[in-house]
């Protein structure tokens, strides 16, 4: 069931990332400064990369059958919410203290990828 949840979260986050990317490129181009547009684009890029990470977790979890994949997936999802979410809000509001939340999301990404590597390392060889 974990693989189904992360496949769904990955696909939904890809949908959102494509939409927010297009919105930034077309709808915000005239409203945000170049600096805030770059912040927006960073949020989109990391959301998209980690949505693909969620899809990878969904594909790998049944193969390696490790509970580490569930933890990795939730850390990646939390990373998307905290990292990309804080950058989206920062770009739209220019509220600078939100930048303090962003690294927490980055740590979620790092920990998630580390757990993926550990699960694969420990997994069965066929």
PDB file of N, CA and C in Angstrom:
ATOM      1  N   UNK A   1       0.823  -1.207   0.000  1.00  0.00           N
ATOM      2  CA  UNK A   1       0.000   0.000   0.000  1.00  0.00           C
ATOM      3  C   UNK A   1       0.864   1.267   0.000  1.00  0.00           C
ATOM      4  N   UNK A   2       2.031   1.203   0.642  1.00  0.00           N
ATOM      5  CA  UNK A   2       2.926   2.358   0.686  1.00  0.00           C
ATOM      6  C   UNK A   2       3.307   2.811  -0.720  1.00  0.00           C
ATOM      7  N   UNK A   3       3.591   1.850  -1.606  1.00  0.00           N
ATOM      8  CA  UNK A   3       3.978   2.222  -2.960  1.00  0.00           C
ATOM      9  C   UNK A   3       2.849   2.964  -3.681  1.00  0.00           C
ATOM     10  N   UNK A   4       1.622   2.585  -3.419  1.00  0.00           N
ATOM     11  CA  UNK A   4       0.476   3.264  -4.039  1.00  0.00           C
ATOM     12  C   UNK A   4       0.347   4.698  -3.538  1.00  0.00           C
ATOM     13  N   UNK A   5       0.529   4.908  -2.243  1.00  0.00           N
ATOM     14  CA  UNK A   5       0.443   6.253  -1.654  1.00  0.00           C
ATOM     15  C   UNK A   5       1.512   7.163  -2.251  1.00  0.00           C
ATOM     16  N   UNK A   6       2.753   6.658  -2.340  1.00  0.00           N
ATOM     17  CA  UNK A   6       3.826   7.503  -2.850  1.00  0.00           C
ATOM     18  C   UNK A   6       3.738   7.711  -4.354  1.00  0.00           C
ATOM     19  N   UNK A   7       3.182   6.754  -5.082  1.00  0.00           N
ATOM     20  CA  UNK A   7       2.922   6.970  -6.509  1.00  0.00           C
ATOM     21  C   UNK A   7       1.883   8.078  -6.684  1.00  0.00           C
ATOM     22  N   UNK A   8       0.843   8.044  -5.871  1.00  0.00           N
ATOM     23  CA  UNK A   8      -0.192   9.078  -5.925  1.00  0.00           C
ATOM     24  C   UNK A   8       0.374  10.440  -5.543  1.00  0.00           C
ATOM     25  N   UNK A   9       1.119  10.499  -4.434  1.00  0.00           N
ATOM     26  CA  UNK A   9       1.716  11.774  -4.012  1.00  0.00           C
ATOM     27  C   UNK A   9       2.713  12.294  -5.049  1.00  0.00           C
ATOM     28  N   UNK A  10       3.475  11.386  -5.641  1.00  0.00           N
ATOM     29  CA  UNK A  10       4.427  11.797  -6.673  1.00  0.00           C
ATOM     30  C   UNK A  10       3.725  12.377  -7.886  1.00  0.00           C
ATOM     31  N   UNK A  11       2.695  11.685  -8.353  1.00  0.00           N
ATOM     32  CA  UNK A  11       1.959  12.168  -9.531  1.00  0.00           C
ATOM     33  C   UNK A  11       1.267  13.499  -9.251  1.00  0.00           C
ATOM     34  N   UNK A  12       0.639  13.622  -8.085  1.00  0.00           N
ATOM     35  CA  UNK A  12      -0.026  14.887  -7.743  1.00  0.00           C
ATOM     36  C   UNK A  12       0.977  16.025  -7.619  1.00  0.00           C
ATOM     37  N   UNK A  13       2.142  15.751  -7.051  1.00  0.00           N
ATOM     38  CA  UNK A  13       3.150  16.801  -6.936  1.00  0.00           C
ATOM     39  C   UNK A  13       3.755  17.169  -8.282  1.00  0.00           C
ATOM     40  N   UNK A  14       3.853  16.220  -9.199  1.00  0.00           N
ATOM     41  CA  UNK A  14       4.293  16.563 -10.556  1.00  0.00           C
ATOM     42  C   UNK A  14       3.264  17.476 -11.222  1.00  0.00           C
ATOM     43  N   UNK A  15       1.990  17.154 -11.051  1.00  0.00           N
ATOM     44  CA  UNK A  15       0.915  17.984 -11.590  1.00  0.00           C
ATOM     45  C   UNK A  15       1.015  19.409 -11.036  1.00  0.00           C
ATOM     46  N   UNK A  16       1.171  19.514  -9.717  1.00  0.00           N
ATOM     47  CA  UNK A  16       1.260  20.830  -9.075  1.00  0.00           C
ATOM     48  C   UNK A  16       2.513  21.572  -9.540  1.00  0.00           C
ATOM     49  N   UNK A  17       3.635  20.866  -9.647  1.00  0.00           N
ATOM     50  CA  UNK A  17       4.888  21.511 -10.068  1.00  0.00           C
ATOM     51  C   UNK A  17       4.783  22.048 -11.492  1.00  0.00           C
ATOM     52  N   UNK A  18       4.185  21.283 -12.386  1.00  0.00           N
ATOM     53  CA  UNK A  18       4.012  21.762 -13.764  1.00  0.00           C
ATOM     54  C   UNK A  18       3.107  22.992 -13.769  1.00  0.00           C
ATOM     55  N   UNK A  19       2.029  22.935 -13.001  1.00  0.00           N
ATOM     56  CA  UNK A  19       1.112  24.076 -12.932  1.00  0.00           C
ATOM     57  C   UNK A  19       1.755  25.312 -12.333  1.00  0.00           C
ATOM     58  N   UNK A  20       2.478  25.141 -11.226  1.00  0.00           N
ATOM     59  CA  UNK A  20       3.119  26.301 -10.599  1.00  0.00           C
ATOM     60  C   UNK A  20       4.253  26.835 -11.468  1.00  0.00           C
ATOM     61  N   UNK A  21       4.920  25.944 -12.194  1.00  0.00           N
ATOM     62  CA  UNK A  21       5.965  26.402 -13.115  1.00  0.00           C
ATOM     63  C   UNK A  21       5.384  27.263 -14.222  1.00  0.00           C
ATOM     64  N   UNK A  22       4.290  26.809 -14.804  1.00  0.00           N
ATOM     65  CA  UNK A  22       3.633  27.578 -15.864  1.00  0.00           C
ATOM     66  C   UNK A  22       3.074  28.889 -15.316  1.00  0.00           C
ATOM     67  N   UNK A  23       2.486  28.815 -14.122  1.00  0.00           N
ATOM     68  CA  UNK A  23       1.946  30.031 -13.505  1.00  0.00           C
ATOM     69  C   UNK A  23       3.053  31.048 -13.253  1.00  0.00           C
ATOM     70  N   UNK A  24       4.188  30.583 -12.774  1.00  0.00           N
ATOM     71  CA  UNK A  24       5.310  31.489 -12.537  1.00  0.00           C
ATOM     72  C   UNK A  24       5.827  32.111 -13.820  1.00  0.00           C
ATOM     73  N   UNK A  25       5.944  31.287 -14.859  1.00  0.00           N
ATOM     74  CA  UNK A  25       6.487  31.773 -16.126  1.00  0.00           C
ATOM     75  C   UNK A  25       5.551  32.734 -16.832  1.00  0.00           C
ATOM     76  N   UNK A  26       4.257  32.530 -16.677  1.00  0.00           N
ATOM     77  CA  UNK A  26       3.299  33.348 -17.431  1.00  0.00           C
ATOM     78  C   UNK A  26       2.515  34.326 -16.555  1.00  0.00           C
ATOM     79  N   UNK A  27       2.062  33.868 -15.396  1.00  0.00           N
ATOM     80  CA  UNK A  27       1.202  34.704 -14.569  1.00  0.00           C
ATOM     81  C   UNK A  27       1.931  35.622 -13.608  1.00  0.00           C
ATOM     82  N   UNK A  28       3.152  35.242 -13.237  1.00  0.00           N
ATOM     83  CA  UNK A  28       3.879  36.043 -12.244  1.00  0.00           C
ATOM     84  C   UNK A  28       5.020  36.854 -12.846  1.00  0.00           C
ATOM     85  N   UNK A  29       5.301  36.634 -14.113  1.00  0.00           N
ATOM     86  CA  UNK A  29       6.443  37.285 -14.749  1.00  0.00           C
ATOM     87  C   UNK A  29       6.427  38.803 -14.594  1.00  0.00           C
ATOM     88  N   UNK A  30       5.267  39.386 -14.668  1.00  0.00           N
ATOM     89  CA  UNK A  30       5.146  40.842 -14.569  1.00  0.00           C
ATOM     90  C   UNK A  30       4.912  41.322 -13.130  1.00  0.00           C
ATOM     91  N   UNK A  31       4.631  40.397 -12.220  1.00  0.00           N
ATOM     92  CA  UNK A  31       4.261  40.776 -10.845  1.00  0.00           C
ATOM     93  C   UNK A  31       5.395  40.630  -9.835  1.00  0.00           C
ATOM     94  N   UNK A  32       6.342  39.740 -10.116  1.00  0.00           N
ATOM     95  CA  UNK A  32       7.421  39.481  -9.166  1.00  0.00           C
ATOM     96  C   UNK A  32       8.736  40.035  -9.687  1.00  0.00           C
ATOM     97  N   UNK A  33       9.607  40.385  -8.757  1.00  0.00           N
ATOM     98  CA  UNK A  33      10.948  40.810  -9.138  1.00  0.00           C
ATOM     99  C   UNK A  33      11.707  39.611  -9.702  1.00  0.00           C
ATOM    100  N   UNK A  34      12.807  39.869 -10.360  1.00  0.00           N
ATOM    101  CA  UNK A  34      13.629  38.790 -10.911  1.00  0.00           C
ATOM    102  C   UNK A  34      14.113  37.868  -9.788  1.00  0.00           C
ATOM    103  N   UNK A  35      14.448  38.456  -8.643  1.00  0.00           N
ATOM    104  CA  UNK A  35      14.905  37.659  -7.501  1.00  0.00           C
ATOM    105  C   UNK A  35      13.800  36.719  -7.014  1.00  0.00           C
ATOM    106  N   UNK A  36      12.583  37.222  -6.890  1.00  0.00           N
ATOM    107  CA  UNK A  36      11.486  36.389  -6.396  1.00  0.00           C
ATOM    108  C   UNK A  36      11.032  35.372  -7.443  1.00  0.00           C
ATOM    109  N   UNK A  37      11.171  35.707  -8.730  1.00  0.00           N
ATOM    110  CA  UNK A  37      10.890  34.720  -9.775  1.00  0.00           C
ATOM    111  C   UNK A  37      11.893  33.569  -9.705  1.00  0.00           C
ATOM    112  N   UNK A  38      13.148  33.886  -9.402  1.00  0.00           N
ATOM    113  CA  UNK A  38      14.166  32.846  -9.243  1.00  0.00           C
ATOM    114  C   UNK A  38      13.855  31.967  -8.034  1.00  0.00           C
ATOM    115  N   UNK A  39      13.374  32.564  -6.960  1.00  0.00           N
ATOM    116  CA  UNK A  39      12.955  31.801  -5.777  1.00  0.00           C
ATOM    117  C   UNK A  39      11.812  30.868  -6.160  1.00  0.00           C
ATOM    118  N   UNK A  40      10.834  31.385  -6.893  1.00  0.00           N
ATOM    119  CA  UNK A  40       9.698  30.583  -7.349  1.00  0.00           C
ATOM    120  C   UNK A  40      10.190  29.398  -8.184  1.00  0.00           C
ATOM    121  N   UNK A  41      11.110  29.671  -9.107  1.00  0.00           N
ATOM    122  CA  UNK A  41      11.631  28.623  -9.982  1.00  0.00           C
ATOM    123  C   UNK A  41      12.391  27.559  -9.187  1.00  0.00           C
ATOM    124  N   UNK A  42      13.106  27.973  -8.153  1.00  0.00           N
ATOM    125  CA  UNK A  42      13.794  27.003  -7.287  1.00  0.00           C
ATOM    126  C   UNK A  42      12.780  26.092  -6.619  1.00  0.00           C
ATOM    127  N   UNK A  43      11.682  26.661  -6.140  1.00  0.00           N
ATOM    128  CA  UNK A  43      10.625  25.863  -5.512  1.00  0.00           C
ATOM    129  C   UNK A  43      10.066  24.846  -6.494  1.00  0.00           C
ATOM    130  N   UNK A  44       9.807  25.283  -7.726  1.00  0.00           N
ATOM    131  CA  UNK A  44       9.266  24.384  -8.751  1.00  0.00           C
ATOM    132  C   UNK A  44      10.257  23.261  -9.047  1.00  0.00           C
ATOM    133  N   UNK A  45      11.516  23.615  -9.214  1.00  0.00           N
ATOM    134  CA  UNK A  45      12.542  22.627  -9.562  1.00  0.00           C
ATOM    135  C   UNK A  45      12.665  21.553  -8.494  1.00  0.00           C
ATOM    136  N   UNK A  46      12.734  21.971  -7.234  1.00  0.00           N
ATOM    137  CA  UNK A  46      12.865  20.993  -6.151  1.00  0.00           C
ATOM    138  C   UNK A  46      11.596  20.176  -5.965  1.00  0.00           C
ATOM    139  N   UNK A  47      10.449  20.794  -6.167  1.00  0.00           N
ATOM    140  CA  UNK A  47       9.203  20.031  -6.061  1.00  0.00           C
ATOM    141  C   UNK A  47       9.156  18.961  -7.146  1.00  0.00           C
ATOM    142  N   UNK A  48       9.529  19.341  -8.354  1.00  0.00           N
ATOM    143  CA  UNK A  48       9.493  18.389  -9.454  1.00  0.00           C
ATOM    144  C   UNK A  48      10.493  17.251  -9.227  1.00  0.00           C
ATOM    145  N   UNK A  49      11.693  17.581  -8.833  1.00  0.00           N
ATOM    146  CA  UNK A  49      12.716  16.552  -8.607  1.00  0.00           C
ATOM    147  C   UNK A  49      12.274  15.566  -7.527  1.00  0.00           C
ATOM    148  N   UNK A  50      11.681  16.074  -6.474  1.00  0.00           N
ATOM    149  CA  UNK A  50      11.314  15.199  -5.365  1.00  0.00           C
ATOM    150  C   UNK A  50       9.973  14.513  -5.585  1.00  0.00           C
ATOM    151  N   UNK A  51       9.147  15.043  -6.468  1.00  0.00           N
ATOM    152  CA  UNK A  51       7.964  14.297  -6.912  1.00  0.00           C
ATOM    153  C   UNK A  51       8.430  13.056  -7.679  1.00  0.00           C
ATOM    154  N   UNK A  52       9.448  13.229  -8.517  1.00  0.00           N
ATOM    155  CA  UNK A  52      10.046  12.073  -9.194  1.00  0.00           C
ATOM    156  C   UNK A  52      10.667  11.117  -8.179  1.00  0.00           C
ATOM    157  N   UNK A  53      11.242  11.675  -7.114  1.00  0.00           N
ATOM    158  CA  UNK A  53      11.766  10.843  -6.036  1.00  0.00           C
ATOM    159  C   UNK A  53      10.672   9.996  -5.400  1.00  0.00           C
ATOM    160  N   UNK A  54       9.509  10.576  -5.195  1.00  0.00           N
ATOM    161  CA  UNK A  54       8.384   9.814  -4.638  1.00  0.00           C
ATOM    162  C   UNK A  54       7.967   8.692  -5.584  1.00  0.00           C
ATOM    163  N   UNK A  55       7.975   8.979  -6.878  1.00  0.00           N
ATOM    164  CA  UNK A  55       7.657   7.932  -7.853  1.00  0.00           C
ATOM    165  C   UNK A  55       8.725   6.835  -7.836  1.00  0.00           C
ATOM    166  N   UNK A  56       9.984   7.220  -7.663  1.00  0.00           N
ATOM    167  CA  UNK A  56      11.058   6.224  -7.570  1.00  0.00           C
ATOM    168  C   UNK A  56      10.877   5.358  -6.329  1.00  0.00           C
ATOM    169  N   UNK A  57      10.506   5.976  -5.222  1.00  0.00           N
ATOM    170  CA  UNK A  57      10.252   5.219  -3.998  1.00  0.00           C
ATOM    171  C   UNK A  57       9.115   4.230  -4.225  1.00  0.00           C
ATOM    172  N   UNK A  58       8.063   4.672  -4.887  1.00  0.00           N
ATOM    173  CA  UNK A  58       6.933   3.782  -5.178  1.00  0.00           C
ATOM    174  C   UNK A  58       7.375   2.594  -6.029  1.00  0.00           C
ATOM    175  N   UNK A  59       8.284   2.829  -6.954  1.00  0.00           N
ATOM    176  CA  UNK A  59       8.760   1.745  -7.821  1.00  0.00           C
ATOM    177  C   UNK A  59       9.738   0.818  -7.103  1.00  0.00           C
ATOM    178  N   UNK A  60      10.573   1.373  -6.235  1.00  0.00           N
ATOM    179  CA  UNK A  60      11.604   0.579  -5.560  1.00  0.00           C
ATOM    180  C   UNK A  60      11.092  -0.180  -4.344  1.00  0.00           C
ATOM    181  N   UNK A  61      10.104   0.363  -3.659  1.00  0.00           N
ATOM    182  CA  UNK A  61       9.642  -0.233  -2.402  1.00  0.00           C
ATOM    183  C   UNK A  61       9.235  -1.700  -2.544  1.00  0.00           C
ATOM    184  N   UNK A  62       8.445  -2.076  -3.548  1.00  0.00           N
ATOM    185  CA  UNK A  62       8.078  -3.495  -3.654  1.00  0.00           C
ATOM    186  C   UNK A  62       9.283  -4.394  -3.973  1.00  0.00           C
ATOM    187  N   UNK A  63      10.235  -3.853  -4.688  1.00  0.00           N
ATOM    188  CA  UNK A  63      11.419  -4.635  -5.097  1.00  0.00           C
ATOM    189  C   UNK A  63      12.308  -4.960  -3.909  1.00  0.00           C
ATOM    190  N   UNK A  64      12.489  -3.994  -3.006  1.00  0.00           N
ATOM    191  CA  UNK A  64      13.430  -4.175  -1.903  1.00  0.00           C
ATOM    192  C   UNK A  64      12.748  -4.475  -0.573  1.00  0.00           C
ATOM    193  N   UNK A  65      11.454  -4.245  -0.498  1.00  0.00           N
ATOM    194  CA  UNK A  65      10.654  -4.627   0.673  1.00  0.00           C
ATOM    195  C   UNK A  65      11.286  -4.167   1.992  1.00  0.00           C
ATOM    196  N   UNK A  66      11.578  -2.879   2.087  1.00  0.00           N
ATOM    197  CA  UNK A  66      12.166  -2.321   3.306  1.00  0.00           C
ATOM    198  C   UNK A  66      11.249  -1.242   3.881  1.00  0.00           C
ATOM    199  N   UNK A  67      11.063  -1.252   5.198  1.00  0.00           N
ATOM    200  CA  UNK A  67      10.252  -0.201   5.817  1.00  0.00           C
ATOM    201  C   UNK A  67      10.910   1.185   5.721  1.00  0.00           C
ATOM    202  N   UNK A  68      12.184   1.207   5.376  1.00  0.00           N
ATOM    203  CA  UNK A  68      12.866   2.500   5.227  1.00  0.00           C
ATOM    204  C   UNK A  68      12.263   3.338   4.100  1.00  0.00           C
ATOM    205  N   UNK A  69      11.675   2.677   3.103  1.00  0.00           N
ATOM    206  CA  UNK A  69      11.077   3.422   1.991  1.00  0.00           C
ATOM    207  C   UNK A  69       9.897   4.273   2.446  1.00  0.00           C
ATOM    208  N   UNK A  70       9.115   3.764   3.380  1.00  0.00           N
ATOM    209  CA  UNK A  70       7.974   4.550   3.875  1.00  0.00           C
ATOM    210  C   UNK A  70       8.468   5.811   4.575  1.00  0.00           C
ATOM    211  N   UNK A  71       9.468   5.664   5.415  1.00  0.00           N
ATOM    212  CA  UNK A  71      10.025   6.829   6.107  1.00  0.00           C
ATOM    213  C   UNK A  71      10.632   7.806   5.104  1.00  0.00           C
ATOM    214  N   UNK A  72      11.365   7.256   4.137  1.00  0.00           N
ATOM    215  CA  UNK A  72      11.972   8.108   3.100  1.00  0.00           C
ATOM    216  C   UNK A  72      10.911   8.878   2.331  1.00  0.00           C
ATOM    217  N   UNK A  73       9.831   8.221   1.988  1.00  0.00           N
ATOM    218  CA  UNK A  73       8.757   8.884   1.241  1.00  0.00           C
ATOM    219  C   UNK A  73       8.110  10.005   2.025  1.00  0.00           C
ATOM    220  N   UNK A  74       7.838   9.760   3.297  1.00  0.00           N
ATOM    221  CA  UNK A  74       7.220  10.811   4.117  1.00  0.00           C
ATOM    222  C   UNK A  74       8.189  11.967   4.344  1.00  0.00           C
ATOM    223  N   UNK A  75       9.479  11.666   4.476  1.00  0.00           N
ATOM    224  CA  UNK A  75      10.465  12.751   4.609  1.00  0.00           C
ATOM    225  C   UNK A  75      10.530  13.582   3.327  1.00  0.00           C
ATOM    226  N   UNK A  76      10.482  12.920   2.182  1.00  0.00           N
ATOM    227  CA  UNK A  76      10.496  13.655   0.918  1.00  0.00           C
ATOM    228  C   UNK A  76       9.251  14.497   0.739  1.00  0.00           C
ATOM    229  N   UNK A  77       8.108  13.933   1.090  1.00  0.00           N
ATOM    230  CA  UNK A  77       6.868  14.697   0.986  1.00  0.00           C
ATOM    231  C   UNK A  77       6.897  15.903   1.929  1.00  0.00           C
ATOM    232  N   UNK A  78       7.354  15.690   3.157  1.00  0.00           N
ATOM    233  CA  UNK A  78       7.491  16.814   4.098  1.00  0.00           C
ATOM    234  C   UNK A  78       8.471  17.842   3.554  1.00  0.00           C
ATOM    235  N   UNK A  79       9.536  17.378   2.918  1.00  0.00           N
ATOM    236  CA  UNK A  79      10.494  18.294   2.307  1.00  0.00           C
ATOM    237  C   UNK A  79       9.855  19.155   1.233  1.00  0.00           C
ATOM    238  N   UNK A  80       9.001  18.549   0.414  1.00  0.00           N
ATOM    239  CA  UNK A  80       8.304  19.320  -0.616  1.00  0.00           C
ATOM    240  C   UNK A  80       7.444  20.403   0.027  1.00  0.00           C
ATOM    241  N   UNK A  81       6.672  20.010   1.027  1.00  0.00           N
ATOM    242  CA  UNK A  81       5.785  20.966   1.689  1.00  0.00           C
ATOM    243  C   UNK A  81       6.588  22.090   2.331  1.00  0.00           C
ATOM    244  N   UNK A  82       7.633  21.741   3.069  1.00  0.00           N
ATOM    245  CA  UNK A  82       8.393  22.754   3.815  1.00  0.00           C
ATOM    246  C   UNK A  82       9.329  23.552   2.912  1.00  0.00           C
ATOM    247  N   UNK A  83      10.086  22.879   2.061  1.00  0.00           N
ATOM    248  CA  UNK A  83      11.059  23.569   1.213  1.00  0.00           C
ATOM    249  C   UNK A  83      10.342  24.364   0.117  1.00  0.00           C
ATOM    250  N   UNK A  84       9.661  23.644  -0.756  1.00  0.00           N
ATOM    251  CA  UNK A  84       9.002  24.340  -1.871  1.00  0.00           C
ATOM    252  C   UNK A  84       7.875  25.234  -1.373  1.00  0.00           C
ATOM    253  N   UNK A  85       7.097  24.745  -0.423  1.00  0.00           N
ATOM    254  CA  UNK A  85       5.996  25.552   0.100  1.00  0.00           C
ATOM    255  C   UNK A  85       6.459  26.873   0.683  1.00  0.00           C
ATOM    256  N   UNK A  86       7.530  26.833   1.477  1.00  0.00           N
ATOM    257  CA  UNK A  86       8.023  28.083   2.074  1.00  0.00           C
ATOM    258  C   UNK A  86       8.551  29.029   1.002  1.00  0.00           C
ATOM    259  N   UNK A  87       9.169  28.473  -0.046  1.00  0.00           N
ATOM    260  CA  UNK A  87       9.675  29.339  -1.121  1.00  0.00           C
ATOM    261  C   UNK A  87       8.544  29.935  -1.951  1.00  0.00           C
ATOM    262  N   UNK A  88       7.485  29.178  -2.187  1.00  0.00           N
ATOM    263  CA  UNK A  88       6.324  29.734  -2.899  1.00  0.00           C
ATOM    264  C   UNK A  88       5.742  30.912  -2.114  1.00  0.00           C
ATOM    265  N   UNK A  89       5.557  30.712  -0.821  1.00  0.00           N
ATOM    266  CA  UNK A  89       4.980  31.776   0.011  1.00  0.00           C
ATOM    267  C   UNK A  89       5.933  32.962   0.091  1.00  0.00           C
ATOM    268  N   UNK A  90       7.225  32.703   0.229  1.00  0.00           N
ATOM    269  CA  UNK A  90       8.222  33.775   0.258  1.00  0.00           C
ATOM    270  C   UNK A  90       8.160  34.600  -1.030  1.00  0.00           C
ATOM    271  N   UNK A  91       8.105  33.926  -2.172  1.00  0.00           N
ATOM    272  CA  UNK A  91       8.071  34.641  -3.451  1.00  0.00           C
ATOM    273  C   UNK A  91       6.821  35.511  -3.577  1.00  0.00           C
ATOM    274  N   UNK A  92       5.696  35.009  -3.092  1.00  0.00           N
ATOM    275  CA  UNK A  92       4.440  35.751  -3.224  1.00  0.00           C
ATOM    276  C   UNK A  92       4.286  36.876  -2.209  1.00  0.00           C
ATOM    277  N   UNK A  93       4.865  36.690  -1.012  1.00  0.00           N
ATOM    278  CA  UNK A  93       4.636  37.650   0.077  1.00  0.00           C
ATOM    279  C   UNK A  93       5.853  38.491   0.427  1.00  0.00           C
ATOM    280  N   UNK A  94       7.035  38.017   0.037  1.00  0.00           N
ATOM    281  CA  UNK A  94       8.289  38.655   0.405  1.00  0.00           C
ATOM    282  C   UNK A  94       8.513  38.682   1.932  1.00  0.00           C
ATOM    283  N   UNK A  95       7.868  37.764   2.647  1.00  0.00           N
ATOM    284  CA  UNK A  95       8.056  37.630   4.091  1.00  0.00           C
ATOM    285  C   UNK A  95       9.330  36.812   4.298  1.00  0.00           C
ATOM    286  N   UNK A  96      10.402  37.476   4.665  1.00  0.00           N
ATOM    287  CA  UNK A  96      11.737  36.881   4.672  1.00  0.00           C
ATOM    288  C   UNK A  96      11.949  35.805   5.733  1.00  0.00           C
ATOM    289  N   UNK A  97      11.252  35.873   6.861  1.00  0.00           N
ATOM    290  CA  UNK A  97      11.495  34.885   7.909  1.00  0.00           C
ATOM    291  C   UNK A  97      11.105  33.482   7.466  1.00  0.00           C
ATOM    292  N   UNK A  98      10.297  33.370   6.409  1.00  0.00           N
ATOM    293  CA  UNK A  98       9.935  32.058   5.885  1.00  0.00           C
ATOM    294  C   UNK A  98      11.152  31.306   5.373  1.00  0.00           C
ATOM    295  N   UNK A  99      12.186  32.044   5.024  1.00  0.00           N
ATOM    296  CA  UNK A  99      13.426  31.413   4.584  1.00  0.00           C
ATOM    297  C   UNK A  99      14.049  30.531   5.647  1.00  0.00           C
ATOM    298  N   UNK A 100      13.674  30.746   6.911  1.00  0.00           N
ATOM    299  CA  UNK A 100      14.194  29.909   7.995  1.00  0.00           C
ATOM    300  C   UNK A 100      13.580  28.511   7.970  1.00  0.00           C
ATOM    301  N   UNK A 101      12.428  28.352   7.351  1.00  0.00           N
ATOM    302  CA  UNK A 101      11.755  27.050   7.265  1.00  0.00           C
ATOM    303  C   UNK A 101      12.353  26.207   6.139  1.00  0.00           C
ATOM    304  N   UNK A 102      12.804  26.867   5.106  1.00  0.00           N
ATOM    305  CA  UNK A 102      13.272  26.187   3.905  1.00  0.00           C
ATOM    306  C   UNK A 102      14.337  25.126   4.189  1.00  0.00           C
ATOM    307  N   UNK A 103      15.368  25.410   4.991  1.00  0.00           N
ATOM    308  CA  UNK A 103      16.391  24.385   5.233  1.00  0.00           C
ATOM    309  C   UNK A 103      15.865  23.135   5.950  1.00  0.00           C
ATOM    310  N   UNK A 104      14.797  23.277   6.710  1.00  0.00           N
ATOM    311  CA  UNK A 104      14.209  22.100   7.361  1.00  0.00           C
ATOM    312  C   UNK A 104      13.682  21.152   6.280  1.00  0.00           C
ATOM    313  N   UNK A 105      13.053  21.711   5.270  1.00  0.00           N
ATOM    314  CA  UNK A 105      12.611  20.899   4.140  1.00  0.00           C
ATOM    315  C   UNK A 105      13.784  20.275   3.408  1.00  0.00           C
ATOM    316  N   UNK A 106      14.855  21.030   3.265  1.00  0.00           N
ATOM    317  CA  UNK A 106      16.065  20.494   2.631  1.00  0.00           C
ATOM    318  C   UNK A 106      16.630  19.312   3.400  1.00  0.00           C
ATOM    319  N   UNK A 107      16.592  19.401   4.718  1.00  0.00           N
ATOM    320  CA  UNK A 107      17.038  18.266   5.533  1.00  0.00           C
ATOM    321  C   UNK A 107      16.136  17.053   5.317  1.00  0.00           C
ATOM    322  N   UNK A 108      14.841  17.284   5.144  1.00  0.00           N
ATOM    323  CA  UNK A 108      13.926  16.185   4.820  1.00  0.00           C
ATOM    324  C   UNK A 108      14.311  15.512   3.514  1.00  0.00           C
ATOM    325  N   UNK A 109      14.663  16.319   2.492  1.00  0.00           N
ATOM    326  CA  UNK A 109      15.112  15.752   1.226  1.00  0.00           C
ATOM    327  C   UNK A 109      16.360  14.895   1.421  1.00  0.00           C
ATOM    328  N   UNK A 110      17.350  15.464   2.113  1.00  0.00           N
ATOM    329  CA  UNK A 110      18.608  14.748   2.326  1.00  0.00           C
ATOM    330  C   UNK A 110      18.397  13.441   3.079  1.00  0.00           C
ATOM    331  N   UNK A 111      17.624  13.503   4.152  1.00  0.00           N
ATOM    332  CA  UNK A 111      17.376  12.301   4.953  1.00  0.00           C
ATOM    333  C   UNK A 111      16.606  11.263   4.133  1.00  0.00           C
ATOM    334  N   UNK A 112      15.645  11.718   3.341  1.00  0.00           N
ATOM    335  CA  UNK A 112      14.881  10.797   2.503  1.00  0.00           C
ATOM    336  C   UNK A 112      15.766  10.060   1.514  1.00  0.00           C
ATOM    337  N   UNK A 113      16.632  10.797   0.828  1.00  0.00           N
ATOM    338  CA  UNK A 113      17.527  10.155  -0.144  1.00  0.00           C
ATOM    339  C   UNK A 113      18.515   9.224   0.540  1.00  0.00           C
ATOM    340  N   UNK A 114      18.981   9.599   1.710  1.00  0.00           N
ATOM    341  CA  UNK A 114      19.902   8.731   2.450  1.00  0.00           C
ATOM    342  C   UNK A 114      19.213   7.416   2.821  1.00  0.00           C
ATOM    343  N   UNK A 115      17.960   7.493   3.241  1.00  0.00           N
ATOM    344  CA  UNK A 115      17.219   6.277   3.576  1.00  0.00           C
ATOM    345  C   UNK A 115      16.957   5.414   2.341  1.00  0.00           C
ATOM    346  N   UNK A 116      16.712   6.045   1.202  1.00  0.00           N
ATOM    347  CA  UNK A 116      16.555   5.272  -0.035  1.00  0.00           C
ATOM    348  C   UNK A 116      17.849   4.499  -0.312  1.00  0.00           C
ATOM    349  N   UNK A 117      18.968   5.175  -0.217  1.00  0.00           N
ATOM    350  CA  UNK A 117      20.259   4.521  -0.452  1.00  0.00           C
ATOM    351  C   UNK A 117      20.487   3.379   0.543  1.00  0.00           C
ATOM    352  N   UNK A 118      20.174   3.610   1.796  1.00  0.00           N
ATOM    353  CA  UNK A 118      20.364   2.583   2.818  1.00  0.00           C
ATOM    354  C   UNK A 118      19.453   1.378   2.571  1.00  0.00           C
ATOM    355  N   UNK A 119      18.216   1.634   2.184  1.00  0.00           N
ATOM    356  CA  UNK A 119      17.278   0.537   1.906  1.00  0.00           C
ATOM    357  C   UNK A 119      17.753  -0.303   0.730  1.00  0.00           C
ATOM    358  N   UNK A 120      18.270   0.355  -0.300  1.00  0.00           N
ATOM    359  CA  UNK A 120      18.772  -0.377  -1.452  1.00  0.00           C
ATOM    360  C   UNK A 120      20.045  -1.148  -1.076  1.00  0.00           C
ATOM    361  N   UNK A 121      20.918  -0.521  -0.326  1.00  0.00           N
ATOM    362  CA  UNK A 121      22.162  -1.161   0.122  1.00  0.00           C
ATOM    363  C   UNK A 121      21.878  -2.430   0.928  1.00  0.00           C
ATOM    364  N   UNK A 122      20.912  -2.347   1.812  1.00  0.00           N
ATOM    365  CA  UNK A 122      20.569  -3.480   2.685  1.00  0.00           C
ATOM    366  C   UNK A 122      19.683  -4.515   2.003  1.00  0.00           C
ATOM    367  N   UNK A 123      19.090  -4.139   0.893  1.00  0.00           N
ATOM    368  CA  UNK A 123      18.095  -4.988   0.248  1.00  0.00           C
ATOM    369  C   UNK A 123      18.693  -6.246  -0.360  1.00  0.00           C
ATOM    370  N   UNK A 124      17.797  -7.132  -0.766  1.00  0.00           N
ATOM    371  CA  UNK A 124      18.254  -8.393  -1.354  1.00  0.00           C
ATOM    372  C   UNK A 124      18.924  -8.183  -2.707  1.00  0.00           C
ATOM    373  N   UNK A 125      19.881  -9.013  -3.010  1.00  0.00           N
ATOM    374  CA  UNK A 125      20.507  -8.990  -4.334  1.00  0.00           C
ATOM    375  C   UNK A 125      19.947 -10.170  -5.118  1.00  0.00           C
ATOM    376  N   UNK A 126      19.587  -9.890  -6.333  1.00  0.00           N
ATOM    377  CA  UNK A 126      18.996 -10.948  -7.161  1.00  0.00           C
ATOM    378  C   UNK A 126      19.820 -11.129  -8.415  1.00  0.00           C
TER     379      UNK A 126
END
